[in-house]
């Protein structure tokens, strides 16, 4: 009688907070029994039983069949979580270019999803070694009939791993894009503030110059007043039209 032990983690994403929840299941494999130990009920064993009931013709293969159903359910939680993360990142991309930007919310949610992706990667990557070890002939857990089913699980693990890696790159891109958009928005605001400051500074300069007690052409004459008022109106209007044409306002 031999006993093989393996540990796997089911996962679930809290879409409200972006936090990844994990649940550990330990399996003890013998020639005639599969014993599972769970710390909580987040991995519903009823789902595993339903998976077993879907292929009753494979039950003759014993423990290997039971273990295949368990691992299949665990890997399905990985896939469902990766898909949820993908949808959350798509929603974040839409928020980046929203008419009502929410930079702080985008940044907070991006960091939460990034942490979840790092944790998910730590869960998914070891599954490759677990399934690959079970496929070894000398272990005697998987017979030839079950080989394609375990190979299918292994392929799903690889796909989930690759998907997780691509999402990690995507969330990094979203963070960088958000910072770029914030910088561009700040530059636009700075241009507008500077432009309005220039427009306001011209009349201020003219009134300051005209208010001096030193005589200048038209000093203490109606023509001088008209000239000053005309310049005070023409200069800001000219600056405004020039800045508007350059899309600074």
Protein backbone atom coordinates (compact mmCIF):
# COMPACT_ATOMS: atom_id res chain seq x y z
CA UNK A 1 0.00 0.00 0.00
CA UNK A 2 1.35 3.40 -0.94
CA UNK A 3 0.24 6.85 0.12
CA UNK A 4 0.74 9.93 -2.04
CA UNK A 5 -0.03 13.37 -0.65
CA UNK A 6 -0.70 16.49 -2.67
CA UNK A 7 -1.93 19.97 -1.85
CA UNK A 8 -3.98 22.17 -4.14
CA UNK A 9 -5.71 25.52 -3.78
CA UNK A 10 -9.12 26.56 -4.98
CA UNK A 11 -9.49 30.29 -5.61
CA UNK A 12 -12.27 32.84 -5.83
CA UNK A 13 -12.17 36.56 -6.64
CA UNK A 14 -14.11 39.14 -4.63
CA UNK A 15 -15.13 41.47 -7.47
CA UNK A 16 -16.03 44.30 -5.08
CA UNK A 17 -12.62 44.57 -3.42
CA UNK A 18 -10.48 42.80 -6.04
CA UNK A 19 -9.11 40.52 -3.29
CA UNK A 20 -8.32 36.90 -4.07
CA UNK A 21 -9.62 34.30 -1.64
CA UNK A 22 -7.90 30.91 -1.49
CA UNK A 23 -8.87 27.63 0.09
CA UNK A 24 -6.47 24.74 0.59
CA UNK A 25 -7.35 21.10 0.06
CA UNK A 26 -4.99 18.27 0.95
CA UNK A 27 -5.48 14.90 -0.72
CA UNK A 28 -4.06 11.58 0.46
CA UNK A 29 -4.04 9.04 -2.36
CA UNK A 30 -3.87 5.32 -1.66
CA UNK A 31 -4.53 2.38 -3.94
CA UNK A 32 -8.10 2.02 -2.67
CA UNK A 33 -9.06 5.36 -1.16
CA UNK A 34 -8.90 9.14 -1.68
CA UNK A 35 -8.93 11.15 1.53
CA UNK A 36 -9.38 14.93 1.37
CA UNK A 37 -8.82 17.42 4.17
CA UNK A 38 -10.20 20.95 3.87
CA UNK A 39 -9.77 23.92 6.19
CA UNK A 40 -13.10 25.46 5.19
CA UNK A 41 -16.11 24.93 2.92
CA UNK A 42 -15.18 27.40 0.19
CA UNK A 43 -14.28 24.48 -2.07
CA UNK A 44 -17.67 22.79 -2.21
CA UNK A 45 -17.23 19.01 -2.20
CA UNK A 46 -20.76 18.71 -3.65
CA UNK A 47 -19.39 20.16 -6.88
CA UNK A 48 -16.71 17.48 -6.92
CA UNK A 49 -19.34 14.78 -6.40
CA UNK A 50 -21.38 16.18 -9.28
CA UNK A 51 -18.26 16.02 -11.45
CA UNK A 52 -17.81 12.36 -10.52
CA UNK A 53 -21.45 11.63 -11.34
CA UNK A 54 -21.05 13.11 -14.82
CA UNK A 55 -18.76 10.21 -15.87
CA UNK A 56 -19.92 7.11 -13.97
CA UNK A 57 -18.40 4.83 -16.62
CA UNK A 58 -14.93 5.91 -15.48
CA UNK A 59 -15.56 4.90 -11.88
CA UNK A 60 -14.06 1.48 -12.58
CA UNK A 61 -10.64 3.16 -12.69
CA UNK A 62 -10.81 3.74 -8.96
CA UNK A 63 -8.84 6.35 -7.08
CA UNK A 64 -7.31 7.84 -10.21
CA UNK A 65 -10.81 8.72 -11.42
CA UNK A 66 -11.73 10.32 -8.08
CA UNK A 67 -8.55 12.36 -8.01
CA UNK A 68 -9.14 13.50 -11.60
CA UNK A 69 -12.57 14.86 -10.67
CA UNK A 70 -11.14 16.71 -7.66
CA UNK A 71 -8.31 18.30 -9.63
CA UNK A 72 -10.66 19.18 -12.48
CA UNK A 73 -12.87 21.19 -10.11
CA UNK A 74 -9.83 22.92 -8.55
CA UNK A 75 -8.45 23.93 -11.95
CA UNK A 76 -11.91 25.15 -12.98
CA UNK A 77 -11.80 27.60 -10.06
CA UNK A 78 -8.48 28.85 -11.42
CA UNK A 79 -9.99 29.39 -14.87
CA UNK A 80 -13.12 31.09 -13.50
CA UNK A 81 -10.96 33.42 -11.41
CA UNK A 82 -8.69 34.32 -14.31
CA UNK A 83 -11.75 35.11 -16.40
CA UNK A 84 -13.15 37.33 -13.63
CA UNK A 85 -9.83 39.14 -13.39
CA UNK A 86 -9.84 39.65 -17.15
CA UNK A 87 -13.31 41.19 -16.99
CA UNK A 88 -12.27 43.46 -14.10
CA UNK A 89 -9.26 44.67 -16.07
CA UNK A 90 -11.46 45.36 -19.10
CA UNK A 91 -13.69 47.51 -16.89
CA UNK A 92 -10.60 49.35 -15.62
CA UNK A 93 -9.49 50.06 -19.17
CA UNK A 94 -12.89 51.64 -19.86
CA UNK A 95 -12.53 53.83 -16.75
CA UNK A 96 -9.18 55.14 -17.94
CA UNK A 97 -10.82 57.13 -20.74
CA UNK A 98 -14.10 57.88 -19.00
CA UNK A 99 -15.58 61.38 -19.23
CA UNK A 100 -15.53 61.45 -15.44
CA UNK A 101 -12.05 60.20 -14.52
CA UNK A 102 -11.61 58.36 -11.23
CA UNK A 103 -7.82 58.22 -10.99
CA UNK A 104 -7.68 57.23 -7.33
CA UNK A 105 -10.23 54.45 -7.79
CA UNK A 106 -8.46 53.13 -10.89
CA UNK A 107 -5.10 53.16 -9.13
CA UNK A 108 -6.44 51.47 -5.97
CA UNK A 109 -8.30 48.77 -7.88
CA UNK A 110 -5.30 48.19 -10.16
CA UNK A 111 -3.03 47.54 -7.20
CA UNK A 112 -5.59 45.17 -5.65
CA UNK A 113 -5.89 43.21 -8.89
CA UNK A 114 -2.13 43.15 -9.24
CA UNK A 115 -1.78 41.63 -5.77
CA UNK A 116 -4.46 39.08 -6.64
CA UNK A 117 -2.65 38.15 -9.86
CA UNK A 118 0.62 37.64 -7.98
CA UNK A 119 -1.14 35.37 -5.48
CA UNK A 120 -2.96 33.52 -8.27
CA UNK A 121 0.34 32.92 -10.04
CA UNK A 122 1.72 31.32 -6.87
CA UNK A 123 -1.30 29.01 -6.81
CA UNK A 124 -1.43 28.11 -10.50
CA UNK A 125 2.26 27.54 -11.22
CA UNK A 126 2.76 24.61 -8.78
CA UNK A 127 -0.23 22.82 -10.31
CA UNK A 128 1.86 22.07 -13.37
CA UNK A 129 4.28 20.05 -11.28
CA UNK A 130 1.46 18.35 -9.36
CA UNK A 131 -0.33 17.12 -12.49
CA UNK A 132 2.91 16.30 -14.26
CA UNK A 133 4.02 14.16 -11.31
CA UNK A 134 0.74 12.27 -11.30
CA UNK A 135 1.22 11.41 -14.98
CA UNK A 136 4.38 9.45 -14.16
CA UNK A 137 3.87 5.75 -14.88
CA UNK A 138 5.96 4.60 -11.92
CA UNK A 139 3.56 6.30 -9.51
CA UNK A 140 0.73 4.05 -10.62
CA UNK A 141 -2.09 6.54 -9.93
CA UNK A 142 -3.15 7.20 -13.55
CA UNK A 143 -3.74 4.33 -15.96
CA UNK A 144 -3.77 4.57 -19.74
CA UNK A 145 -7.51 5.25 -19.96
CA UNK A 146 -7.27 8.26 -17.62
CA UNK A 147 -4.15 9.64 -19.25
CA UNK A 148 -6.09 11.88 -21.72
CA UNK A 149 -8.22 13.29 -18.88
CA UNK A 150 -5.17 14.23 -16.83
CA UNK A 151 -3.50 15.61 -19.94
CA UNK A 152 -6.58 17.81 -20.44
CA UNK A 153 -6.20 19.10 -16.87
CA UNK A 154 -2.52 19.78 -17.53
CA UNK A 155 -3.39 21.74 -20.69
CA UNK A 156 -5.91 23.79 -18.72
CA UNK A 157 -3.28 24.54 -16.10
CA UNK A 158 -0.88 25.74 -18.80
CA UNK A 159 -3.55 27.95 -20.34
CA UNK A 160 -4.45 29.42 -16.95
CA UNK A 161 -0.75 30.09 -16.30
CA UNK A 162 -0.26 31.84 -19.63
CA UNK A 163 -3.46 33.84 -19.15
CA UNK A 164 -2.31 34.92 -15.69
CA UNK A 165 1.04 36.08 -17.07
CA UNK A 166 -0.64 38.12 -19.81
CA UNK A 167 -2.96 39.74 -17.27
CA UNK A 168 0.01 40.70 -15.10
CA UNK A 169 1.47 42.53 -18.09
CA UNK A 170 -1.92 44.12 -18.77
CA UNK A 171 -2.38 45.46 -15.23
CA UNK A 172 1.14 46.93 -15.38
CA UNK A 173 0.22 48.63 -18.65
CA UNK A 174 -2.97 50.00 -17.09
CA UNK A 175 -1.03 51.48 -14.17
CA UNK A 176 1.49 53.10 -16.52
CA UNK A 177 -1.27 54.40 -18.79
CA UNK A 178 -3.12 55.87 -15.83
CA UNK A 179 0.01 57.73 -14.72
CA UNK A 180 0.55 58.99 -18.28
CA UNK A 181 -3.03 60.22 -18.52
CA UNK A 182 -2.68 62.00 -15.18
CA UNK A 183 0.50 63.67 -16.41
CA UNK A 184 -1.15 64.76 -19.65
CA UNK A 185 -4.16 66.08 -17.76
CA UNK A 186 -1.87 68.04 -15.45
CA UNK A 187 -0.03 69.51 -18.44
CA UNK A 188 -3.34 70.58 -19.97
CA UNK A 189 -4.41 72.26 -16.72
CA UNK A 190 -1.03 73.98 -16.43
CA UNK A 191 -1.36 75.33 -20.00
CA UNK A 192 -4.81 76.71 -19.29
CA UNK A 193 -3.81 78.31 -16.00
CA UNK A 194 -0.69 79.83 -17.58
CA UNK A 195 -2.68 81.15 -20.54
CA UNK A 196 -5.27 82.82 -18.34
CA UNK A 197 -2.51 84.24 -16.14
CA UNK A 198 -0.90 85.78 -19.24
CA UNK A 199 -4.22 87.24 -20.38
CA UNK A 200 -4.86 88.79 -16.96
CA UNK A 201 -1.27 90.03 -16.61
CA UNK A 202 -1.45 92.29 -19.69
CA UNK A 203 -4.26 94.61 -18.44
CA UNK A 204 -2.65 94.60 -15.01
CA UNK A 205 0.64 95.75 -16.50
CA UNK A 206 -1.05 98.47 -18.57
CA UNK A 207 -3.05 99.86 -15.64
CA UNK A 208 0.09 99.84 -13.52
CA UNK A 209 2.05 101.70 -16.16
CA UNK A 210 -0.74 104.19 -16.85
CA UNK A 211 -1.24 104.78 -13.14
CA UNK A 212 2.26 106.20 -12.64
CA UNK A 213 2.63 109.91 -11.90
CA UNK A 214 5.25 110.28 -14.63
CA UNK A 215 3.96 111.95 -17.80
CA UNK A 216 3.60 109.85 -20.96
CA UNK A 217 2.05 110.55 -24.37
CA UNK A 218 -1.62 111.41 -23.74
CA UNK A 219 -1.08 111.86 -19.99
CA UNK A 220 -4.07 113.67 -18.34
CA UNK A 221 -5.88 113.80 -21.71
CA UNK A 222 -9.00 111.98 -22.94
CA UNK A 223 -7.04 110.58 -25.88
CA UNK A 224 -4.60 108.93 -23.49
CA UNK A 225 -7.46 107.29 -21.59
CA UNK A 226 -9.03 106.04 -24.83
CA UNK A 227 -5.70 104.63 -25.97
CA UNK A 228 -5.10 102.83 -22.66
CA UNK A 229 -8.62 101.34 -22.65
CA UNK A 230 -8.26 100.24 -26.28
CA UNK A 231 -4.95 98.53 -25.56
CA UNK A 232 -6.39 96.89 -22.41
CA UNK A 233 -9.21 95.41 -24.50
CA UNK A 234 -7.28 94.57 -27.68
CA UNK A 235 -4.28 92.86 -26.03
CA UNK A 236 -6.25 90.29 -23.95
CA UNK A 237 -8.58 89.56 -26.88
CA UNK A 238 -5.60 89.00 -29.15
CA UNK A 239 -3.94 86.70 -26.61
CA UNK A 240 -7.19 84.80 -26.06
CA UNK A 241 -7.72 84.18 -29.78
CA UNK A 242 -4.07 83.16 -30.19
CA UNK A 243 -4.17 80.69 -27.29
CA UNK A 244 -7.54 79.33 -28.46
CA UNK A 245 -6.15 78.70 -31.92
CA UNK A 246 -3.24 76.76 -30.38
CA UNK A 247 -5.69 74.77 -28.24
CA UNK A 248 -4.23 76.08 -25.01
CA UNK A 249 -7.68 77.13 -23.78
